[in-house]
N, C-alpha and C. Protein backbone atom coordinates (compact mmCIF):
# COMPACT_ATOMS: atom_id res chain seq x y z
N MET A 1 45.66 -28.66 24.04
CA MET A 1 45.04 -27.43 23.70
C MET A 1 43.90 -27.21 22.80
N THR A 2 42.72 -26.60 23.54
CA THR A 2 42.05 -26.54 22.80
C THR A 2 41.74 -25.09 22.05
N GLU A 3 40.64 -25.20 21.22
CA GLU A 3 40.53 -24.23 20.42
C GLU A 3 40.31 -22.76 21.12
N GLU A 4 39.88 -22.65 22.13
CA GLU A 4 39.38 -21.68 22.89
C GLU A 4 40.33 -21.03 23.73
N PHE A 5 41.23 -21.88 23.90
CA PHE A 5 42.63 -21.53 24.69
C PHE A 5 44.17 -21.55 24.04
N ARG A 6 43.63 -21.35 22.82
CA ARG A 6 44.96 -21.02 21.93
C ARG A 6 45.30 -19.87 21.82
N PRO A 7 46.50 -19.55 22.01
CA PRO A 7 46.68 -17.76 22.03
C PRO A 7 46.43 -17.41 20.28
N ALA A 8 46.31 -15.88 20.20
CA ALA A 8 46.05 -15.55 19.14
C ALA A 8 47.53 -15.51 18.12
N ARG A 9 47.36 -15.59 16.73
CA ARG A 9 48.78 -15.55 15.85
C ARG A 9 48.89 -14.12 15.61
N ARG A 10 50.48 -14.00 15.54
CA ARG A 10 50.52 -12.66 15.16
C ARG A 10 49.73 -12.43 13.63
N ALA A 11 49.83 -11.05 13.65
CA ALA A 11 49.05 -10.63 12.38
C ALA A 11 49.92 -10.74 11.09
N GLY A 12 51.13 -10.85 11.07
CA GLY A 12 51.87 -11.27 9.85
C GLY A 12 52.25 -12.64 9.60
N ARG A 13 51.68 -13.62 10.40
CA ARG A 13 52.13 -15.38 9.95
C ARG A 13 50.83 -15.59 9.24
N ARG A 14 51.09 -16.45 8.41
CA ARG A 14 50.16 -17.43 7.75
C ARG A 14 49.88 -18.30 8.51
N GLY A 15 48.62 -19.14 8.38
CA GLY A 15 48.39 -20.33 8.96
C GLY A 15 48.62 -21.27 7.90
N PRO A 16 48.75 -22.83 8.56
CA PRO A 16 49.08 -24.00 7.80
C PRO A 16 48.55 -23.77 6.44
N GLU A 17 48.75 -24.36 5.45
CA GLU A 17 48.06 -24.62 4.04
C GLU A 17 47.36 -25.69 4.43
N VAL A 18 46.00 -25.55 3.83
CA VAL A 18 44.93 -26.68 4.21
C VAL A 18 44.68 -27.22 2.96
N ARG A 19 44.80 -28.64 2.50
CA ARG A 19 44.46 -29.26 1.38
C ARG A 19 43.54 -30.33 1.43
N CYS A 20 42.59 -30.55 0.22
CA CYS A 20 41.54 -31.54 0.50
C CYS A 20 42.19 -32.54 -0.49
N ARG A 21 42.07 -33.81 0.22
CA ARG A 21 42.54 -35.01 -0.31
C ARG A 21 41.72 -35.91 -0.76
N THR A 22 40.49 -35.72 -0.94
CA THR A 22 39.40 -36.27 -1.52
C THR A 22 38.96 -36.81 -2.86
N ALA A 23 39.66 -35.77 -3.59
CA ALA A 23 39.44 -36.08 -5.40
C ALA A 23 40.89 -36.60 -5.80
N PRO A 24 40.40 -37.47 -6.80
CA PRO A 24 41.62 -38.13 -6.96
C PRO A 24 42.49 -36.87 -7.77
N ALA A 25 43.77 -37.48 -7.34
CA ALA A 25 44.78 -36.41 -8.08
C ALA A 25 45.30 -36.63 -9.55
N ALA A 26 44.68 -37.61 -10.19
CA ALA A 26 45.05 -37.88 -11.59
C ALA A 26 44.14 -37.43 -12.50
N GLY A 27 44.41 -37.16 -14.00
CA GLY A 27 43.48 -36.85 -14.90
C GLY A 27 43.06 -35.12 -14.77
N PRO A 28 42.48 -34.80 -15.74
CA PRO A 28 42.04 -33.39 -16.06
C PRO A 28 40.88 -33.22 -14.91
N ALA A 29 40.82 -31.68 -14.74
CA ALA A 29 39.51 -31.10 -14.13
C ALA A 29 38.08 -31.38 -14.72
N PRO A 30 36.97 -31.85 -14.42
CA PRO A 30 35.94 -31.63 -15.27
C PRO A 30 35.59 -30.14 -15.68
N ALA A 31 35.16 -30.29 -17.08
CA ALA A 31 34.76 -28.42 -17.47
C ALA A 31 33.68 -28.60 -16.66
N ALA A 32 33.46 -26.90 -16.50
CA ALA A 32 32.33 -26.05 -15.69
C ALA A 32 31.27 -25.75 -16.96
N PRO A 33 30.23 -26.24 -16.35
CA PRO A 33 29.19 -25.92 -17.20
C PRO A 33 28.69 -24.75 -18.00
N GLN A 34 28.88 -25.06 -19.49
CA GLN A 34 28.31 -23.32 -20.01
C GLN A 34 27.41 -22.83 -19.68
N LEU A 35 27.06 -21.67 -19.04
CA LEU A 35 26.18 -20.80 -18.98
C LEU A 35 25.83 -19.82 -20.19
N PRO A 36 24.71 -19.39 -20.43
CA PRO A 36 24.62 -18.41 -21.76
C PRO A 36 25.27 -17.23 -21.54
N ALA A 37 26.04 -16.72 -22.07
CA ALA A 37 26.45 -15.09 -21.74
C ALA A 37 25.49 -14.01 -21.80
N ILE A 38 25.58 -13.67 -20.57
CA ILE A 38 24.72 -11.98 -20.56
C ILE A 38 25.34 -10.96 -20.69
N GLY A 39 25.46 -10.10 -21.87
CA GLY A 39 26.59 -9.03 -22.05
C GLY A 39 25.81 -7.87 -22.15
N ILE A 40 26.44 -6.98 -21.97
CA ILE A 40 26.10 -5.42 -21.76
C ILE A 40 25.39 -5.21 -23.06
N GLN A 41 25.95 -5.59 -24.24
CA GLN A 41 25.46 -5.25 -25.39
C GLN A 41 23.66 -5.72 -25.56
N GLY A 42 23.58 -7.11 -24.93
CA GLY A 42 22.20 -7.41 -24.95
C GLY A 42 21.35 -6.50 -24.43
N ALA A 43 21.51 -5.83 -23.48
CA ALA A 43 20.78 -5.39 -22.38
C ALA A 43 20.47 -4.02 -23.60
N ALA A 44 21.22 -3.47 -24.21
CA ALA A 44 20.75 -2.23 -25.03
C ALA A 44 19.62 -2.27 -25.67
N ALA A 45 19.56 -3.76 -26.37
CA ALA A 45 18.54 -4.15 -27.06
C ALA A 45 17.34 -4.16 -26.30
N GLU A 46 17.35 -4.44 -25.01
CA GLU A 46 16.26 -4.42 -23.93
C GLU A 46 15.72 -3.28 -24.05
N LEU A 47 16.16 -2.16 -23.79
CA LEU A 47 15.59 -0.82 -23.72
C LEU A 47 15.51 0.06 -24.71
N GLU A 48 14.32 0.56 -24.99
CA GLU A 48 14.35 1.27 -26.36
C GLU A 48 13.86 2.72 -25.99
N VAL A 49 14.50 3.48 -26.24
CA VAL A 49 14.06 4.98 -26.13
C VAL A 49 13.95 6.01 -27.48
N GLU A 50 12.84 6.14 -27.95
CA GLU A 50 12.64 6.95 -28.97
C GLU A 50 11.58 8.15 -29.00
N ILE A 51 11.94 8.88 -30.12
CA ILE A 51 11.40 10.20 -30.14
C ILE A 51 9.92 9.87 -30.65
N ALA A 52 9.31 10.27 -30.14
CA ALA A 52 7.74 9.73 -30.91
C ALA A 52 7.15 11.03 -31.62
N ARG A 53 7.35 12.11 -31.00
CA ARG A 53 6.82 13.42 -31.80
C ARG A 53 7.75 14.48 -31.30
N VAL A 54 7.49 15.66 -31.94
CA VAL A 54 8.32 17.05 -31.39
C VAL A 54 7.25 18.11 -31.92
N ARG A 55 6.83 18.91 -30.70
CA ARG A 55 6.06 20.13 -30.96
C ARG A 55 6.80 20.91 -30.13
N GLY A 56 6.82 21.99 -31.15
CA GLY A 56 7.62 23.34 -30.72
C GLY A 56 9.14 22.80 -30.18
N ASP A 57 9.40 23.18 -28.58
CA ASP A 57 10.24 23.02 -27.96
C ASP A 57 10.07 21.83 -27.27
N THR A 58 9.39 21.09 -27.22
CA THR A 58 8.76 19.70 -26.78
C THR A 58 9.48 18.45 -27.38
N ALA A 59 9.69 17.43 -26.93
CA ALA A 59 10.05 16.17 -27.33
C ALA A 59 9.37 15.06 -26.98
N VAL A 60 8.58 14.16 -27.03
CA VAL A 60 7.90 13.24 -26.55
C VAL A 60 8.93 12.27 -26.83
N LEU A 61 9.49 11.42 -25.93
CA LEU A 61 10.36 10.05 -25.97
C LEU A 61 9.55 9.07 -25.04
N VAL A 62 9.55 7.86 -25.69
CA VAL A 62 8.72 6.72 -25.06
C VAL A 62 9.84 5.79 -25.00
N VAL A 63 9.78 5.58 -23.79
CA VAL A 63 10.45 4.31 -23.56
C VAL A 63 10.04 3.05 -23.06
N THR A 64 10.39 1.98 -23.53
CA THR A 64 10.06 0.92 -23.66
C THR A 64 11.35 -0.04 -23.14
N GLY A 65 10.83 -1.10 -22.16
CA GLY A 65 11.58 -2.06 -21.31
C GLY A 65 11.86 -1.88 -20.08
N GLU A 66 12.67 -2.59 -19.33
CA GLU A 66 12.89 -2.30 -18.12
C GLU A 66 14.21 -1.71 -17.86
N ILE A 67 14.56 -0.72 -16.85
CA ILE A 67 15.33 0.12 -16.70
C ILE A 67 16.09 -0.28 -15.18
N ASP A 68 17.15 -0.97 -15.36
CA ASP A 68 18.26 -1.32 -14.21
C ASP A 68 19.47 -1.13 -14.65
N LEU A 69 20.47 -1.66 -13.62
CA LEU A 69 21.66 -1.67 -13.88
C LEU A 69 22.33 -1.97 -15.28
N ARG A 70 21.94 -2.58 -16.01
CA ARG A 70 22.38 -2.97 -17.36
C ARG A 70 21.68 -2.11 -18.37
N THR A 71 20.82 -1.21 -18.10
CA THR A 71 20.12 -0.69 -19.08
C THR A 71 20.08 1.21 -18.86
N ALA A 72 20.65 1.24 -17.69
CA ALA A 72 20.51 2.61 -17.03
C ALA A 72 21.37 3.57 -18.28
N ASP A 73 22.83 3.08 -18.51
CA ASP A 73 23.20 4.24 -19.34
C ASP A 73 22.84 4.54 -20.59
N THR A 74 22.15 3.60 -21.11
CA THR A 74 21.27 3.78 -22.57
C THR A 74 20.16 4.55 -22.29
N LEU A 75 19.69 4.85 -21.23
CA LEU A 75 18.65 5.69 -20.45
C LEU A 75 18.93 7.05 -20.92
N CYS A 76 20.49 7.54 -19.98
CA CYS A 76 20.73 8.67 -19.50
C CYS A 76 21.35 9.11 -20.90
N SER A 77 22.10 8.29 -21.96
CA SER A 77 22.60 8.85 -23.03
C SER A 77 21.49 9.51 -24.30
N ARG A 78 20.16 8.54 -23.97
CA ARG A 78 19.33 8.59 -25.29
C ARG A 78 18.59 9.99 -24.64
N LEU A 79 18.56 10.26 -23.56
CA LEU A 79 17.80 11.42 -23.13
C LEU A 79 18.91 12.69 -23.36
N VAL A 80 19.70 12.39 -22.87
CA VAL A 80 20.91 13.96 -23.28
C VAL A 80 21.21 13.93 -24.57
N GLU A 81 21.15 12.97 -25.43
CA GLU A 81 21.08 13.10 -27.09
C GLU A 81 19.87 13.66 -27.47
N ALA A 82 18.51 13.35 -27.17
CA ALA A 82 17.34 13.98 -27.30
C ALA A 82 17.74 15.28 -27.17
N ARG A 83 17.88 15.87 -26.06
CA ARG A 83 18.02 17.41 -25.73
C ARG A 83 18.87 17.99 -26.64
N GLY A 84 20.19 17.13 -26.96
CA GLY A 84 21.18 17.74 -27.97
C GLY A 84 20.54 18.01 -29.32
N GLU A 85 19.45 17.24 -29.58
CA GLU A 85 19.06 17.90 -31.18
C GLU A 85 17.95 18.85 -31.11
N GLY A 86 17.73 19.75 -30.03
CA GLY A 86 17.26 20.54 -30.04
C GLY A 86 16.03 20.75 -29.21
N PRO A 87 15.42 20.01 -28.93
CA PRO A 87 13.91 20.29 -27.93
C PRO A 87 14.38 20.61 -26.70
N ARG A 88 13.92 21.68 -25.50
CA ARG A 88 14.22 22.19 -24.53
C ARG A 88 13.59 21.28 -23.40
N ARG A 89 12.49 21.18 -23.68
CA ARG A 89 11.72 20.21 -23.08
C ARG A 89 11.49 18.81 -23.35
N LEU A 90 11.89 17.81 -22.39
CA LEU A 90 11.77 16.41 -22.88
C LEU A 90 10.46 15.69 -21.74
N VAL A 91 9.33 15.36 -22.38
CA VAL A 91 8.33 14.33 -22.04
C VAL A 91 8.82 12.81 -22.09
N VAL A 92 9.12 12.34 -20.97
CA VAL A 92 9.28 10.76 -20.92
C VAL A 92 8.28 10.12 -20.60
N ASP A 93 7.89 8.82 -21.58
CA ASP A 93 6.64 8.47 -21.43
C ASP A 93 6.99 7.07 -20.92
N PHE A 94 6.80 6.77 -19.59
CA PHE A 94 7.32 5.57 -19.06
C PHE A 94 6.06 4.50 -18.89
N ALA A 95 4.90 4.80 -19.67
CA ALA A 95 4.17 3.63 -19.64
C ALA A 95 4.12 2.46 -20.06
N ALA A 96 5.26 2.28 -20.84
CA ALA A 96 5.69 0.56 -21.42
C ALA A 96 6.94 0.63 -20.36
N VAL A 97 7.48 0.85 -19.42
CA VAL A 97 8.02 0.56 -18.29
C VAL A 97 7.66 -0.58 -17.20
N PRO A 98 7.70 -1.71 -17.49
CA PRO A 98 7.45 -2.42 -16.00
C PRO A 98 8.35 -2.39 -14.94
N PHE A 99 9.49 -2.10 -15.18
CA PHE A 99 10.05 -2.03 -13.99
C PHE A 99 11.37 -0.83 -13.83
N CYS A 100 11.92 -0.63 -12.72
CA CYS A 100 12.80 0.76 -12.92
C CYS A 100 13.32 0.73 -11.54
N ASP A 101 14.81 0.49 -11.30
CA ASP A 101 15.23 0.43 -10.35
C ASP A 101 16.28 1.65 -9.81
N ALA A 102 16.93 1.64 -8.78
CA ALA A 102 17.49 2.38 -8.52
C ALA A 102 19.00 3.19 -9.27
N ALA A 103 19.33 2.53 -10.03
CA ALA A 103 20.18 2.75 -11.30
C ALA A 103 19.29 3.57 -12.05
N GLY A 104 18.40 3.02 -12.46
CA GLY A 104 17.35 4.07 -13.18
C GLY A 104 17.00 5.36 -12.85
N LEU A 105 16.82 5.31 -11.25
CA LEU A 105 16.57 6.69 -10.80
C LEU A 105 17.83 7.46 -10.69
N GLY A 106 19.23 6.84 -10.52
CA GLY A 106 20.17 7.48 -10.92
C GLY A 106 20.50 7.91 -12.54
N ALA A 107 20.00 7.18 -13.37
CA ALA A 107 20.37 7.85 -14.54
C ALA A 107 19.44 9.03 -15.01
N LEU A 108 18.14 9.05 -14.34
CA LEU A 108 17.48 10.26 -14.62
C LEU A 108 17.95 11.37 -13.95
N VAL A 109 18.59 11.27 -12.73
CA VAL A 109 18.82 12.07 -12.06
C VAL A 109 20.38 12.69 -12.95
N ALA A 110 21.07 11.82 -13.42
CA ALA A 110 22.37 12.35 -14.46
C ALA A 110 21.99 12.84 -15.64
N ALA A 111 20.69 12.26 -16.04
CA ALA A 111 20.25 13.31 -17.37
C ALA A 111 19.76 14.38 -17.03
N HIS A 112 18.87 14.61 -16.17
CA HIS A 112 18.39 15.98 -15.44
C HIS A 112 19.88 16.85 -15.38
N ASN A 113 20.65 16.28 -14.62
CA ASN A 113 21.68 17.20 -14.41
C ASN A 113 22.23 17.49 -15.28
N ARG A 114 22.75 17.15 -16.53
CA ARG A 114 23.32 17.41 -17.64
C ARG A 114 22.43 18.33 -18.82
N ILE A 115 21.18 17.87 -18.74
CA ILE A 115 20.16 18.57 -19.71
C ILE A 115 19.91 19.73 -18.77
N ALA A 116 19.63 20.10 -17.69
CA ALA A 116 19.63 21.34 -16.86
C ALA A 116 20.66 22.47 -17.10
N VAL A 117 21.71 22.12 -17.24
CA VAL A 117 22.88 22.88 -17.32
C VAL A 117 22.63 23.71 -18.74
N SER A 118 21.88 23.09 -19.84
CA SER A 118 21.88 23.95 -20.85
C SER A 118 20.37 24.37 -20.91
N GLY A 119 19.80 24.49 -19.98
CA GLY A 119 18.09 25.36 -19.49
C GLY A 119 17.12 24.26 -19.93
N GLY A 120 17.74 23.05 -20.06
CA GLY A 120 16.57 22.01 -20.48
C GLY A 120 15.74 21.37 -19.37
N GLU A 121 14.94 20.84 -19.79
CA GLU A 121 14.14 20.01 -18.36
C GLU A 121 13.36 18.93 -18.83
N ILE A 122 13.31 17.87 -17.55
CA ILE A 122 12.64 16.66 -18.13
C ILE A 122 11.28 16.61 -17.19
N SER A 123 9.94 15.92 -17.64
CA SER A 123 8.88 15.53 -17.21
C SER A 123 8.65 14.35 -17.54
N LEU A 124 8.16 13.29 -16.52
CA LEU A 124 7.54 12.04 -16.65
C LEU A 124 6.32 12.07 -16.92
N ALA A 125 6.05 10.75 -17.59
CA ALA A 125 4.47 10.60 -18.11
C ALA A 125 4.15 9.22 -17.91
N GLY A 126 3.25 8.60 -17.45
CA GLY A 126 2.80 7.32 -17.42
C GLY A 126 3.50 6.92 -16.33
N VAL A 127 3.73 7.08 -15.58
CA VAL A 127 4.92 6.39 -14.61
C VAL A 127 3.57 5.75 -13.85
N ARG A 128 3.80 4.09 -13.37
CA ARG A 128 3.53 3.52 -12.67
C ARG A 128 3.28 3.49 -11.03
N PRO A 129 2.42 3.24 -10.67
CA PRO A 129 2.19 3.15 -9.29
C PRO A 129 3.52 2.97 -8.32
N ALA A 130 4.16 1.81 -8.73
CA ALA A 130 5.49 1.27 -8.17
C ALA A 130 6.25 2.05 -8.20
N GLN A 131 6.93 2.78 -9.39
CA GLN A 131 7.62 3.60 -9.92
C GLN A 131 7.38 4.99 -9.16
N LEU A 132 6.13 5.54 -9.24
CA LEU A 132 5.81 6.72 -8.63
C LEU A 132 6.33 6.80 -6.81
N ARG A 133 6.11 5.63 -6.32
CA ARG A 133 6.13 5.53 -4.72
C ARG A 133 7.69 5.31 -4.58
N LEU A 134 8.31 4.85 -5.36
CA LEU A 134 10.05 5.42 -5.54
C LEU A 134 10.36 6.76 -5.51
N LEU A 135 9.80 7.35 -6.66
CA LEU A 135 9.74 8.54 -6.91
C LEU A 135 9.68 9.49 -5.65
N ARG A 136 8.69 9.53 -5.07
CA ARG A 136 8.07 10.09 -3.66
C ARG A 136 8.77 9.44 -2.41
N ILE A 137 9.26 8.52 -2.19
CA ILE A 137 10.15 8.24 -1.25
C ILE A 137 11.72 8.52 -1.35
N THR A 138 12.22 8.82 -2.69
CA THR A 138 13.49 9.44 -2.69
C THR A 138 13.39 10.84 -2.97
N GLY A 139 12.20 11.39 -2.79
CA GLY A 139 12.21 12.76 -3.18
C GLY A 139 12.01 13.72 -4.61
N LEU A 140 12.49 12.43 -5.55
CA LEU A 140 12.69 13.13 -7.04
C LEU A 140 11.30 13.46 -7.68
N ASP A 141 10.08 13.25 -6.85
CA ASP A 141 8.77 13.66 -7.71
C ASP A 141 9.24 15.20 -7.50
N ARG A 142 9.89 15.73 -6.50
CA ARG A 142 10.02 17.03 -6.52
C ARG A 142 10.78 17.70 -7.49
N LEU A 143 11.83 17.05 -8.11
CA LEU A 143 12.86 17.16 -9.23
C LEU A 143 12.20 16.93 -10.46
N PHE A 144 11.43 16.21 -10.58
CA PHE A 144 10.82 15.72 -12.05
C PHE A 144 9.29 16.29 -12.14
N ALA A 145 8.64 16.90 -12.51
CA ALA A 145 6.89 17.20 -12.99
C ALA A 145 6.78 15.52 -13.24
N VAL A 146 5.93 14.99 -12.91
CA VAL A 146 5.16 13.81 -13.08
C VAL A 146 3.88 14.01 -13.08
N HIS A 147 3.15 13.19 -14.24
CA HIS A 147 1.89 13.42 -15.27
C HIS A 147 1.51 11.92 -15.43
N PRO A 148 0.11 12.03 -15.29
CA PRO A 148 -0.49 10.82 -15.24
C PRO A 148 0.01 10.09 -16.94
N ASP A 149 -0.38 11.18 -17.81
CA ASP A 149 0.08 10.45 -19.40
C ASP A 149 0.60 11.61 -19.91
N VAL A 150 1.23 11.44 -21.12
CA VAL A 150 1.64 12.38 -21.99
C VAL A 150 0.64 13.48 -22.43
N ALA A 151 -0.29 13.22 -22.70
CA ALA A 151 -1.19 14.46 -22.90
C ALA A 151 -1.36 15.29 -21.61
N ALA A 152 -1.21 14.86 -20.21
CA ALA A 152 -1.64 16.01 -19.49
C ALA A 152 -0.27 16.59 -19.31
N ALA A 153 0.92 15.90 -19.72
CA ALA A 153 2.21 16.71 -19.75
C ALA A 153 2.17 18.15 -20.64
N LEU A 154 1.69 17.65 -21.86
CA LEU A 154 1.64 18.48 -22.64
C LEU A 154 0.75 19.71 -22.78
N ALA A 155 -0.50 19.34 -21.71
CA ALA A 155 -1.38 20.24 -21.71
C ALA A 155 -0.72 21.50 -20.49
N GLU A 156 -0.07 20.54 -19.60
CA GLU A 156 0.20 21.52 -18.64
C GLU A 156 1.59 22.61 -19.00
N HIS A 157 2.51 22.18 -20.19
CA HIS A 157 3.15 22.81 -21.09
C HIS A 157 2.54 24.02 -21.75
N ASP A 158 1.48 23.30 -22.39
CA ASP A 158 0.54 24.52 -22.95
C ASP A 158 0.22 25.49 -22.28
N SER A 159 -0.14 25.48 -21.09
CA SER A 159 -0.76 26.22 -20.41
C SER A 159 0.48 26.84 -19.76
N SER A 160 1.29 26.68 -19.29
CA SER A 160 2.27 27.29 -18.68
C SER A 160 3.35 28.19 -19.78
N THR A 161 3.09 27.81 -20.85
CA THR A 161 3.57 29.05 -21.91
C THR A 161 2.65 29.79 -22.12
N THR A 162 1.17 29.93 -22.00
CA THR A 162 0.66 30.75 -22.73
C THR A 162 0.20 31.79 -21.56
N SER A 163 0.45 31.50 -20.42
CA SER A 163 0.27 32.25 -19.23
C SER A 163 1.64 33.15 -19.04
N ARG A 164 2.41 33.12 -19.75
CA ARG A 164 3.76 33.69 -19.43
C ARG A 164 3.53 35.24 -19.82
């Protein structure tokens, strides 16, 4: 019988065990090559989030490094932590962020959701063109105020508080 005319097997039955006999049976298996370990702890050191200054109820946070799956939790927790220290409004400076993927966007949304509950808000400044494009494609440019730089973000905040 050829393969195309063979009747189908019943779902509960296993096929015959196939063994490869090309390797010598005696002796220990060769050791696998050792690769450098890439751990989550090392990732946290790759992303820095620091409070650069606090002015009134606004804190400017400078983010340095790539934001990806390994570092997204660090970004979210640091933003929430900064809001917990008092400032209602966070201006997040992205000028030193060369890369931000979907996990980074998710971390920003998660931080926004946690901060908004207590009346806080996040503005982004210095976002690179590729990242700005992602924000626009995903519609997150409507969730976060996006400014060309920190000075513009602070100026907008100053003008909105004096016009109230």
